[in-house]
Amino acid sequence: MSVSIVFHSLAALAYTVLGIGLFRSLSSDTPIVKAGHLARLGLLFAIVLHGIALQDTILQDGSLRVGWSLALSAAVWIGMIVFWLESLIIRIDGLQLLLLPTGAIVCLLAAAFPQSQLIAHANDAGLRIHLLIALSAYALVTIAALQALLMSGLDRRLHFPLVEVAHTGTLRRAVGRLLDAQPPLLAQEQVLFRLIWVAYVALTLTLISGAVISLSYSGKWLPLDHKSIFTLLSWLTFGILLIGRYVRGWRGRTALRYTLVGFAFVVLAYTGSRFVIEVILQRR
């Protein structure tokens, strides 16, 4: 068994334990408090395990290897780091309810499907920088999508509050308690658009750096492959959203829909297509 599979499995276990601990605290009758130092250290420990697994797989003997599951795992790992740092500034504990299961699932997928593809010109510093920017952009878009889902839950909670919390199921009660303890929807919206702005800048840099790399190796500014097309569609989607926000004051459900559509394009840009090629079609 490879080091990557072991550490991805350990990271999945760590995320699962943290998620169970969060769920138990939410489903109890004790007051909900902001995540303490122990919980932060636990999440940091899981992030370190996750990072070791990725380092062993993606960077092998000076080469660079990426597969659909590893790309997804790397994006979520960077997203975890972004969340951990952001949580030091503003209370966004609610995202953990979505992030921890997501982290556990992608680590299990990376352990179950460790296959990867050798990237040509791996020693090129420009290519490595491009991949880092691209993964960072995908991570930020993922966090924005999860934030949008959290806001959707908050919006639904405001419009359809539970009358008798005691008579609801354990999971629904836990989610309701967590949503009730979150900052106001307006503050959550500010976090969402801050994430979208940073993600949009990262997507722009991804397209620019990708065009420069493509020009240097193939003589084409922007190859019309699935990665470029779906990344460009995501960039356009978020661009329209930001323009609509500035010009027409778009917010609420409109912003959530655009965020989730942009996220879907990002998933299709690499992970979705590689999954079809490597797993369904059994090709490399």
C-alpha atoms as a PDB file:
ATOM      1  CA  MET A   1       0.000   0.000   0.000  1.00  0.00           C
ATOM      2  CA  SER A   2       1.443   3.369  -1.022  1.00  0.00           C
ATOM      3  CA  VAL A   3       2.107   6.263   1.324  1.00  0.00           C
ATOM      4  CA  SER A   4      -0.479   8.336  -0.522  1.00  0.00           C
ATOM      5  CA  ILE A   5      -3.265   5.806   0.055  1.00  0.00           C
ATOM      6  CA  VAL A   6      -2.368   5.519   3.752  1.00  0.00           C
ATOM      7  CA  PHE A   7      -2.282   9.262   4.368  1.00  0.00           C
ATOM      8  CA  HIS A   8      -5.372   9.954   2.275  1.00  0.00           C
ATOM      9  CA  SER A   9      -7.175   7.318   4.359  1.00  0.00           C
ATOM     10  CA  LEU A  10      -5.875   8.863   7.595  1.00  0.00           C
ATOM     11  CA  ALA A  11      -6.954  12.319   6.444  1.00  0.00           C
ATOM     12  CA  ALA A  12     -10.413  10.956   5.589  1.00  0.00           C
ATOM     13  CA  LEU A  13     -10.597   9.412   9.060  1.00  0.00           C
ATOM     14  CA  ALA A  14      -9.536  12.694  10.682  1.00  0.00           C
ATOM     15  CA  TYR A  15     -12.144  14.700   8.732  1.00  0.00           C
ATOM     16  CA  THR A  16     -14.783  12.107   9.644  1.00  0.00           C
ATOM     17  CA  VAL A  17     -13.933  12.212  13.361  1.00  0.00           C
ATOM     18  CA  LEU A  18     -14.050  16.018  13.330  1.00  0.00           C
ATOM     19  CA  GLY A  19     -17.369  15.922  11.472  1.00  0.00           C
ATOM     20  CA  ILE A  20     -18.868  13.451  13.947  1.00  0.00           C
ATOM     21  CA  GLY A  21     -17.662  15.606  16.838  1.00  0.00           C
ATOM     22  CA  LEU A  22     -19.273  18.686  15.260  1.00  0.00           C
ATOM     23  CA  PHE A  23     -22.519  16.817  14.616  1.00  0.00           C
ATOM     24  CA  ARG A  24     -22.679  15.483  18.193  1.00  0.00           C
ATOM     25  CA  SER A  25     -22.181  18.953  19.642  1.00  0.00           C
ATOM     26  CA  LEU A  26     -24.888  20.346  17.386  1.00  0.00           C
ATOM     27  CA  SER A  27     -27.397  17.593  18.119  1.00  0.00           C
ATOM     28  CA  SER A  28     -26.998  18.015  21.887  1.00  0.00           C
ATOM     29  CA  ASP A  29     -28.757  20.642  23.994  1.00  0.00           C
ATOM     30  CA  THR A  30     -25.547  22.432  24.995  1.00  0.00           C
ATOM     31  CA  PRO A  31     -25.026  26.009  23.780  1.00  0.00           C
ATOM     32  CA  ILE A  32     -23.275  26.365  20.427  1.00  0.00           C
ATOM     33  CA  VAL A  33     -19.939  28.110  20.799  1.00  0.00           C
ATOM     34  CA  LYS A  34     -17.329  29.161  18.307  1.00  0.00           C
ATOM     35  CA  ALA A  35     -14.801  26.462  17.413  1.00  0.00           C
ATOM     36  CA  GLY A  36     -12.081  26.422  20.062  1.00  0.00           C
ATOM     37  CA  HIS A  37      -8.349  25.966  19.801  1.00  0.00           C
ATOM     38  CA  LEU A  38      -8.597  22.161  20.072  1.00  0.00           C
ATOM     39  CA  ALA A  39     -10.961  21.955  17.104  1.00  0.00           C
ATOM     40  CA  ARG A  40      -8.716  24.264  15.075  1.00  0.00           C
ATOM     41  CA  LEU A  41      -5.677  22.154  15.882  1.00  0.00           C
ATOM     42  CA  GLY A  42      -7.601  19.017  14.939  1.00  0.00           C
ATOM     43  CA  LEU A  43      -8.514  20.503  11.563  1.00  0.00           C
ATOM     44  CA  LEU A  44      -4.924  21.656  11.028  1.00  0.00           C
ATOM     45  CA  PHE A  45      -3.723  18.115  11.793  1.00  0.00           C
ATOM     46  CA  ALA A  46      -6.130  16.701   9.205  1.00  0.00           C
ATOM     47  CA  ILE A  47      -4.945  19.282   6.660  1.00  0.00           C
ATOM     48  CA  VAL A  48      -1.307  18.263   7.291  1.00  0.00           C
ATOM     49  CA  LEU A  49      -2.141  14.572   6.741  1.00  0.00           C
ATOM     50  CA  HIS A  50      -3.977  15.516   3.564  1.00  0.00           C
ATOM     51  CA  GLY A  51      -1.007  17.568   2.359  1.00  0.00           C
ATOM     52  CA  ILE A  52       1.457  14.723   2.952  1.00  0.00           C
ATOM     53  CA  ALA A  53      -0.718  12.402   0.868  1.00  0.00           C
ATOM     54  CA  LEU A  54      -0.826  14.885  -2.003  1.00  0.00           C
ATOM     55  CA  GLN A  55       2.897  15.623  -1.845  1.00  0.00           C
ATOM     56  CA  ASP A  56       3.758  11.933  -2.086  1.00  0.00           C
ATOM     57  CA  THR A  57       1.444  11.390  -5.056  1.00  0.00           C
ATOM     58  CA  ILE A  58       1.679  14.545  -7.156  1.00  0.00           C
ATOM     59  CA  LEU A  59       5.420  15.137  -6.689  1.00  0.00           C
ATOM     60  CA  GLN A  60       7.096  11.783  -7.323  1.00  0.00           C
ATOM     61  CA  ASP A  61      10.863  11.730  -7.904  1.00  0.00           C
ATOM     62  CA  GLY A  62      10.850  15.292  -9.174  1.00  0.00           C
ATOM     63  CA  SER A  63       8.062  14.557 -11.673  1.00  0.00           C
ATOM     64  CA  LEU A  64       4.538  15.934 -11.667  1.00  0.00           C
ATOM     65  CA  ARG A  65       1.545  13.591 -11.736  1.00  0.00           C
ATOM     66  CA  VAL A  66      -2.143  14.548 -11.713  1.00  0.00           C
ATOM     67  CA  GLY A  67      -5.353  12.533 -12.022  1.00  0.00           C
ATOM     68  CA  TRP A  68      -9.023  13.435 -11.662  1.00  0.00           C
ATOM     69  CA  SER A  69      -9.195  12.326  -8.018  1.00  0.00           C
ATOM     70  CA  LEU A  70      -5.870  13.992  -7.146  1.00  0.00           C
ATOM     71  CA  ALA A  71      -6.931  17.263  -8.775  1.00  0.00           C
ATOM     72  CA  LEU A  72     -10.167  17.188  -6.787  1.00  0.00           C
ATOM     73  CA  SER A  73      -8.283  16.297  -3.600  1.00  0.00           C
ATOM     74  CA  ALA A  74      -5.728  19.087  -4.136  1.00  0.00           C
ATOM     75  CA  ALA A  75      -8.435  21.680  -4.787  1.00  0.00           C
ATOM     76  CA  VAL A  76     -10.333  20.716  -1.615  1.00  0.00           C
ATOM     77  CA  TRP A  77      -7.051  20.685   0.363  1.00  0.00           C
ATOM     78  CA  ILE A  78      -6.262  24.254  -0.714  1.00  0.00           C
ATOM     79  CA  GLY A  79      -9.869  25.141   0.093  1.00  0.00           C
ATOM     80  CA  MET A  80      -9.426  23.723   3.586  1.00  0.00           C
ATOM     81  CA  ILE A  81      -6.378  25.952   4.078  1.00  0.00           C
ATOM     82  CA  VAL A  82      -8.333  28.983   2.840  1.00  0.00           C
ATOM     83  CA  PHE A  83     -11.170  28.157   5.242  1.00  0.00           C
ATOM     84  CA  TRP A  84      -8.795  27.633   8.170  1.00  0.00           C
ATOM     85  CA  LEU A  85      -7.125  31.004   7.588  1.00  0.00           C
ATOM     86  CA  GLU A  86     -10.427  32.789   6.923  1.00  0.00           C
ATOM     87  CA  SER A  87     -11.918  31.366  10.125  1.00  0.00           C
ATOM     88  CA  LEU A  88      -9.218  33.189  12.100  1.00  0.00           C
ATOM     89  CA  ILE A  89     -10.713  36.478  10.895  1.00  0.00           C
ATOM     90  CA  ILE A  90     -14.475  35.893  10.729  1.00  0.00           C
ATOM     91  CA  ARG A  91     -16.770  33.273  12.199  1.00  0.00           C
ATOM     92  CA  ILE A  92     -17.690  30.898   9.362  1.00  0.00           C
ATOM     93  CA  ASP A  93     -18.060  27.731  11.425  1.00  0.00           C
ATOM     94  CA  GLY A  94     -21.140  26.746   9.439  1.00  0.00           C
ATOM     95  CA  LEU A  95     -18.977  25.862   6.446  1.00  0.00           C
ATOM     96  CA  GLN A  96     -17.455  23.017   8.458  1.00  0.00           C
ATOM     97  CA  LEU A  97     -20.733  21.119   8.224  1.00  0.00           C
ATOM     98  CA  LEU A  98     -20.175  20.973   4.452  1.00  0.00           C
ATOM     99  CA  LEU A  99     -16.378  21.048   4.283  1.00  0.00           C
ATOM    100  CA  LEU A 100     -15.620  18.144   6.611  1.00  0.00           C
ATOM    101  CA  PRO A 101     -17.786  15.576   4.771  1.00  0.00           C
ATOM    102  CA  THR A 102     -16.450  16.936   1.466  1.00  0.00           C
ATOM    103  CA  GLY A 103     -12.873  16.527   2.663  1.00  0.00           C
ATOM    104  CA  ALA A 104     -13.537  12.975   3.844  1.00  0.00           C
ATOM    105  CA  ILE A 105     -15.200  11.997   0.549  1.00  0.00           C
ATOM    106  CA  VAL A 106     -12.480  13.389  -1.735  1.00  0.00           C
ATOM    107  CA  CYS A 107      -9.751  11.747   0.372  1.00  0.00           C
ATOM    108  CA  LEU A 108     -11.518   8.402   0.097  1.00  0.00           C
ATOM    109  CA  LEU A 109     -11.867   8.902  -3.662  1.00  0.00           C
ATOM    110  CA  ALA A 110      -8.147   9.705  -3.945  1.00  0.00           C
ATOM    111  CA  ALA A 111      -7.328   6.570  -1.940  1.00  0.00           C
ATOM    112  CA  ALA A 112      -9.669   4.413  -4.038  1.00  0.00           C
ATOM    113  CA  PHE A 113      -8.602   5.885  -7.405  1.00  0.00           C
ATOM    114  CA  PRO A 114      -4.902   6.789  -6.998  1.00  0.00           C
ATOM    115  CA  GLN A 115      -4.184   6.582 -10.725  1.00  0.00           C
ATOM    116  CA  SER A 116      -2.406   9.616 -12.116  1.00  0.00           C
ATOM    117  CA  GLN A 117      -1.013  10.894 -15.380  1.00  0.00           C
ATOM    118  CA  LEU A 118       2.550  12.111 -15.843  1.00  0.00           C
ATOM    119  CA  ILE A 119       2.569  15.787 -16.790  1.00  0.00           C
ATOM    120  CA  ALA A 120       4.980  16.709 -19.559  1.00  0.00           C
ATOM    121  CA  HIS A 121       7.506  19.537 -18.986  1.00  0.00           C
ATOM    122  CA  ALA A 122       7.113  19.082 -15.220  1.00  0.00           C
ATOM    123  CA  ASN A 123      10.409  20.875 -14.553  1.00  0.00           C
ATOM    124  CA  ASP A 124       9.090  24.069 -16.122  1.00  0.00           C
ATOM    125  CA  ALA A 125       8.608  26.597 -13.302  1.00  0.00           C
ATOM    126  CA  GLY A 126       5.975  28.438 -15.342  1.00  0.00           C
ATOM    127  CA  LEU A 127       3.912  25.269 -15.728  1.00  0.00           C
ATOM    128  CA  ARG A 128       4.100  24.541 -11.999  1.00  0.00           C
ATOM    129  CA  ILE A 129       3.013  28.104 -11.196  1.00  0.00           C
ATOM    130  CA  HIS A 130       0.121  27.777 -13.659  1.00  0.00           C
ATOM    131  CA  LEU A 131      -1.047  24.531 -12.028  1.00  0.00           C
ATOM    132  CA  LEU A 132      -0.808  26.065  -8.553  1.00  0.00           C
ATOM    133  CA  ILE A 133      -2.859  29.086  -9.651  1.00  0.00           C
ATOM    134  CA  ALA A 134      -5.409  26.839 -11.365  1.00  0.00           C
ATOM    135  CA  LEU A 135      -5.815  24.598  -8.312  1.00  0.00           C
ATOM    136  CA  SER A 136      -6.111  27.677  -6.087  1.00  0.00           C
ATOM    137  CA  ALA A 137      -8.819  29.062  -8.375  1.00  0.00           C
ATOM    138  CA  TYR A 138     -10.715  25.753  -8.302  1.00  0.00           C
ATOM    139  CA  ALA A 139     -10.380  25.638  -4.506  1.00  0.00           C
ATOM    140  CA  LEU A 140     -11.719  29.171  -4.085  1.00  0.00           C
ATOM    141  CA  VAL A 141     -14.646  28.428  -6.397  1.00  0.00           C
ATOM    142  CA  THR A 142     -15.378  25.265  -4.379  1.00  0.00           C
ATOM    143  CA  ILE A 143     -15.400  27.210  -1.109  1.00  0.00           C
ATOM    144  CA  ALA A 144     -17.640  29.847  -2.714  1.00  0.00           C
ATOM    145  CA  ALA A 145     -20.056  27.118  -3.856  1.00  0.00           C
ATOM    146  CA  LEU A 146     -20.204  25.624  -0.358  1.00  0.00           C
ATOM    147  CA  GLN A 147     -20.730  29.115   1.061  1.00  0.00           C
ATOM    148  CA  ALA A 148     -23.584  29.577  -1.426  1.00  0.00           C
ATOM    149  CA  LEU A 149     -25.153  26.305  -0.241  1.00  0.00           C
ATOM    150  CA  LEU A 150     -24.842  27.474   3.372  1.00  0.00           C
ATOM    151  CA  MET A 151     -26.513  30.767   2.463  1.00  0.00           C
ATOM    152  CA  SER A 152     -29.282  28.867   0.690  1.00  0.00           C
ATOM    153  CA  GLY A 153     -29.869  26.972   3.931  1.00  0.00           C
ATOM    154  CA  LEU A 154     -29.907  30.229   5.889  1.00  0.00           C
ATOM    155  CA  ASP A 155     -32.366  31.769   3.439  1.00  0.00           C
ATOM    156  CA  ARG A 156     -34.662  28.758   3.667  1.00  0.00           C
ATOM    157  CA  ARG A 157     -34.378  28.835   7.456  1.00  0.00           C
ATOM    158  CA  LEU A 158     -35.540  32.451   7.471  1.00  0.00           C
ATOM    159  CA  HIS A 159     -38.505  31.789   5.199  1.00  0.00           C
ATOM    160  CA  PHE A 160     -39.514  28.405   6.623  1.00  0.00           C
ATOM    161  CA  PRO A 161     -38.490  28.299  10.302  1.00  0.00           C
ATOM    162  CA  LEU A 162     -39.069  25.097  12.215  1.00  0.00           C
ATOM    163  CA  VAL A 163     -41.937  25.567  14.643  1.00  0.00           C
ATOM    164  CA  GLU A 164     -41.257  22.576  16.857  1.00  0.00           C
ATOM    165  CA  VAL A 165     -37.506  21.925  16.851  1.00  0.00           C
ATOM    166  CA  ALA A 166     -37.858  19.221  19.511  1.00  0.00           C
ATOM    167  CA  HIS A 167     -40.013  17.114  17.210  1.00  0.00           C
ATOM    168  CA  THR A 168     -37.684  17.205  14.207  1.00  0.00           C
ATOM    169  CA  GLY A 169     -35.081  14.611  13.299  1.00  0.00           C
ATOM    170  CA  THR A 170     -31.597  14.683  14.777  1.00  0.00           C
ATOM    171  CA  LEU A 171     -29.898  15.759  11.556  1.00  0.00           C
ATOM    172  CA  ARG A 172     -32.435  18.487  10.826  1.00  0.00           C
ATOM    173  CA  ARG A 173     -32.229  19.761  14.397  1.00  0.00           C
ATOM    174  CA  ALA A 174     -28.431  19.864  14.247  1.00  0.00           C
ATOM    175  CA  VAL A 175     -28.475  21.759  10.961  1.00  0.00           C
ATOM    176  CA  GLY A 176     -31.091  24.151  12.296  1.00  0.00           C
ATOM    177  CA  ARG A 177     -29.076  24.854  15.442  1.00  0.00           C
ATOM    178  CA  LEU A 178     -25.973  25.522  13.383  1.00  0.00           C
ATOM    179  CA  LEU A 179     -27.811  27.864  11.010  1.00  0.00           C
ATOM    180  CA  ASP A 180     -29.337  29.754  13.927  1.00  0.00           C
ATOM    181  CA  ALA A 181     -25.855  30.370  15.354  1.00  0.00           C
ATOM    182  CA  GLN A 182     -24.419  31.798  12.125  1.00  0.00           C
ATOM    183  CA  PRO A 183     -23.807  35.491  11.427  1.00  0.00           C
ATOM    184  CA  PRO A 184     -26.587  37.376   9.567  1.00  0.00           C
ATOM    185  CA  LEU A 185     -27.233  36.575   5.930  1.00  0.00           C
ATOM    186  CA  LEU A 186     -25.869  39.972   4.863  1.00  0.00           C
ATOM    187  CA  ALA A 187     -22.516  39.220   6.516  1.00  0.00           C
ATOM    188  CA  GLN A 188     -22.475  35.786   4.854  1.00  0.00           C
ATOM    189  CA  GLU A 189     -23.136  37.463   1.515  1.00  0.00           C
ATOM    190  CA  GLN A 190     -20.142  39.738   2.016  1.00  0.00           C
ATOM    191  CA  VAL A 191     -17.971  36.671   2.635  1.00  0.00           C
ATOM    192  CA  LEU A 192     -19.372  35.033  -0.518  1.00  0.00           C
ATOM    193  CA  PHE A 193     -18.583  37.973  -2.789  1.00  0.00           C
ATOM    194  CA  ARG A 194     -15.134  38.391  -1.265  1.00  0.00           C
ATOM    195  CA  LEU A 195     -14.468  34.751  -2.153  1.00  0.00           C
ATOM    196  CA  ILE A 196     -15.893  35.242  -5.645  1.00  0.00           C
ATOM    197  CA  TRP A 197     -13.729  38.293  -6.299  1.00  0.00           C
ATOM    198  CA  VAL A 198     -10.556  36.449  -5.268  1.00  0.00           C
ATOM    199  CA  ALA A 199     -11.634  33.355  -7.225  1.00  0.00           C
ATOM    200  CA  TYR A 200     -12.309  35.499 -10.301  1.00  0.00           C
ATOM    201  CA  VAL A 201      -8.839  37.026 -10.116  1.00  0.00           C
ATOM    202  CA  ALA A 202      -7.372  33.513  -9.765  1.00  0.00           C
ATOM    203  CA  LEU A 203      -9.418  32.267 -12.742  1.00  0.00           C
ATOM    204  CA  THR A 204      -8.210  35.247 -14.793  1.00  0.00           C
ATOM    205  CA  LEU A 205      -4.590  34.460 -13.903  1.00  0.00           C
ATOM    206  CA  THR A 206      -5.257  30.800 -14.740  1.00  0.00           C
ATOM    207  CA  LEU A 207      -6.428  31.712 -18.235  1.00  0.00           C
ATOM    208  CA  ILE A 208      -3.546  34.148 -18.789  1.00  0.00           C
ATOM    209  CA  SER A 209      -0.840  31.786 -17.510  1.00  0.00           C
ATOM    210  CA  GLY A 210      -2.415  28.889 -19.414  1.00  0.00           C
ATOM    211  CA  ALA A 211      -2.387  30.930 -22.622  1.00  0.00           C
ATOM    212  CA  VAL A 212       1.288  31.806 -22.127  1.00  0.00           C
ATOM    213  CA  ILE A 213       2.205  28.162 -21.467  1.00  0.00           C
ATOM    214  CA  SER A 214       0.187  27.016 -24.476  1.00  0.00           C
ATOM    215  CA  LEU A 215       1.832  29.601 -26.711  1.00  0.00           C
ATOM    216  CA  SER A 216       5.315  28.534 -25.630  1.00  0.00           C
ATOM    217  CA  TYR A 217       4.692  24.824 -26.316  1.00  0.00           C
ATOM    218  CA  SER A 218       2.115  24.698 -29.113  1.00  0.00           C
ATOM    219  CA  GLY A 219       2.112  28.161 -30.626  1.00  0.00           C
ATOM    220  CA  LYS A 220      -1.594  28.634 -29.793  1.00  0.00           C
ATOM    221  CA  TRP A 221      -2.856  31.226 -27.364  1.00  0.00           C
ATOM    222  CA  LEU A 222      -5.901  29.307 -26.176  1.00  0.00           C
ATOM    223  CA  PRO A 223      -6.406  25.685 -27.263  1.00  0.00           C
ATOM    224  CA  LEU A 224     -10.062  24.797 -27.703  1.00  0.00           C
ATOM    225  CA  ASP A 225      -9.987  21.746 -25.441  1.00  0.00           C
ATOM    226  CA  HIS A 226     -12.498  20.917 -22.715  1.00  0.00           C
ATOM    227  CA  LYS A 227     -10.360  22.389 -19.915  1.00  0.00           C
ATOM    228  CA  SER A 228     -10.019  25.767 -21.616  1.00  0.00           C
ATOM    229  CA  ILE A 229     -13.663  25.938 -22.706  1.00  0.00           C
ATOM    230  CA  PHE A 230     -15.164  25.084 -19.322  1.00  0.00           C
ATOM    231  CA  THR A 231     -12.687  27.295 -17.446  1.00  0.00           C
ATOM    232  CA  LEU A 232     -13.574  30.159 -19.786  1.00  0.00           C
ATOM    233  CA  LEU A 233     -17.302  29.502 -19.252  1.00  0.00           C
ATOM    234  CA  SER A 234     -16.755  29.614 -15.487  1.00  0.00           C
ATOM    235  CA  TRP A 235     -14.787  32.863 -15.852  1.00  0.00           C
ATOM    236  CA  LEU A 236     -17.592  34.390 -17.938  1.00  0.00           C
ATOM    237  CA  THR A 237     -20.250  33.228 -15.458  1.00  0.00           C
ATOM    238  CA  PHE A 238     -18.534  34.808 -12.484  1.00  0.00           C
ATOM    239  CA  GLY A 239     -17.742  37.915 -14.542  1.00  0.00           C
ATOM    240  CA  ILE A 240     -21.445  38.351 -15.383  1.00  0.00           C
ATOM    241  CA  LEU A 241     -22.312  37.855 -11.710  1.00  0.00           C
ATOM    242  CA  LEU A 242     -19.837  40.509 -10.543  1.00  0.00           C
ATOM    243  CA  ILE A 243     -21.008  42.975 -13.204  1.00  0.00           C
ATOM    244  CA  GLY A 244     -24.617  42.289 -12.258  1.00  0.00           C
ATOM    245  CA  ARG A 245     -23.718  42.823  -8.603  1.00  0.00           C
ATOM    246  CA  TYR A 246     -22.103  46.178  -9.363  1.00  0.00           C
ATOM    247  CA  VAL A 247     -24.613  47.462 -11.941  1.00  0.00           C
ATOM    248  CA  ARG A 248     -27.923  45.991 -10.798  1.00  0.00           C
ATOM    249  CA  GLY A 249     -27.205  45.000  -7.221  1.00  0.00           C
ATOM    250  CA  TRP A 250     -27.650  41.261  -7.754  1.00  0.00           C
ATOM    251  CA  ARG A 251     -27.744  39.295  -4.539  1.00  0.00           C
ATOM    252  CA  GLY A 252     -29.619  36.504  -2.803  1.00  0.00           C
ATOM    253  CA  ARG A 253     -30.814  33.599  -4.916  1.00  0.00           C
ATOM    254  CA  THR A 254     -29.553  35.115  -8.170  1.00  0.00           C
ATOM    255  CA  ALA A 255     -26.016  35.229  -6.788  1.00  0.00           C
ATOM    256  CA  LEU A 256     -26.353  31.673  -5.461  1.00  0.00           C
ATOM    257  CA  ARG A 257     -27.479  30.307  -8.838  1.00  0.00           C
ATOM    258  CA  TYR A 258     -24.624  31.962 -10.727  1.00  0.00           C
ATOM    259  CA  THR A 259     -22.117  30.729  -8.131  1.00  0.00           C
ATOM    260  CA  LEU A 260     -23.279  27.132  -8.427  1.00  0.00           C
ATOM    261  CA  VAL A 261     -23.314  27.274 -12.247  1.00  0.00           C
ATOM    262  CA  GLY A 262     -19.767  28.665 -12.229  1.00  0.00           C
ATOM    263  CA  PHE A 263     -18.725  25.878  -9.863  1.00  0.00           C
ATOM    264  CA  ALA A 264     -20.267  23.243 -12.158  1.00  0.00           C
ATOM    265  CA  PHE A 265     -18.189  24.559 -15.074  1.00  0.00           C
ATOM    266  CA  VAL A 266     -15.034  24.391 -12.935  1.00  0.00           C
ATOM    267  CA  VAL A 267     -15.754  20.756 -12.017  1.00  0.00           C
ATOM    268  CA  LEU A 268     -16.275  19.906 -15.687  1.00  0.00           C
ATOM    269  CA  ALA A 269     -13.076  21.728 -16.670  1.00  0.00           C
ATOM    270  CA  TYR A 270     -10.833  18.966 -15.390  1.00  0.00           C
ATOM    271  CA  THR A 271     -12.166  16.608 -12.744  1.00  0.00           C
ATOM    272  CA  GLY A 272     -15.361  15.666 -14.540  1.00  0.00           C
ATOM    273  CA  SER A 273     -13.758  15.058 -17.919  1.00  0.00           C
ATOM    274  CA  ARG A 274     -10.808  13.129 -16.452  1.00  0.00           C
ATOM    275  CA  PHE A 275     -13.234  10.967 -14.445  1.00  0.00           C
ATOM    276  CA  VAL A 276     -15.057   9.998 -17.632  1.00  0.00           C
ATOM    277  CA  ILE A 277     -11.795   9.294 -19.486  1.00  0.00           C
ATOM    278  CA  GLU A 278      -9.956   7.425 -16.711  1.00  0.00           C
ATOM    279  CA  VAL A 279     -12.770   5.603 -14.894  1.00  0.00           C
ATOM    280  CA  ILE A 280     -15.660   5.171 -17.320  1.00  0.00           C
ATOM    281  CA  LEU A 281     -13.748   4.890 -20.609  1.00  0.00           C
ATOM    282  CA  GLN A 282     -10.668   3.332 -18.962  1.00  0.00           C
ATOM    283  CA  ARG A 283      -8.284   5.510 -20.963  1.00  0.00           C
ATOM    284  CA  ARG A 284      -5.361   7.753 -20.042  1.00  0.00           C
END
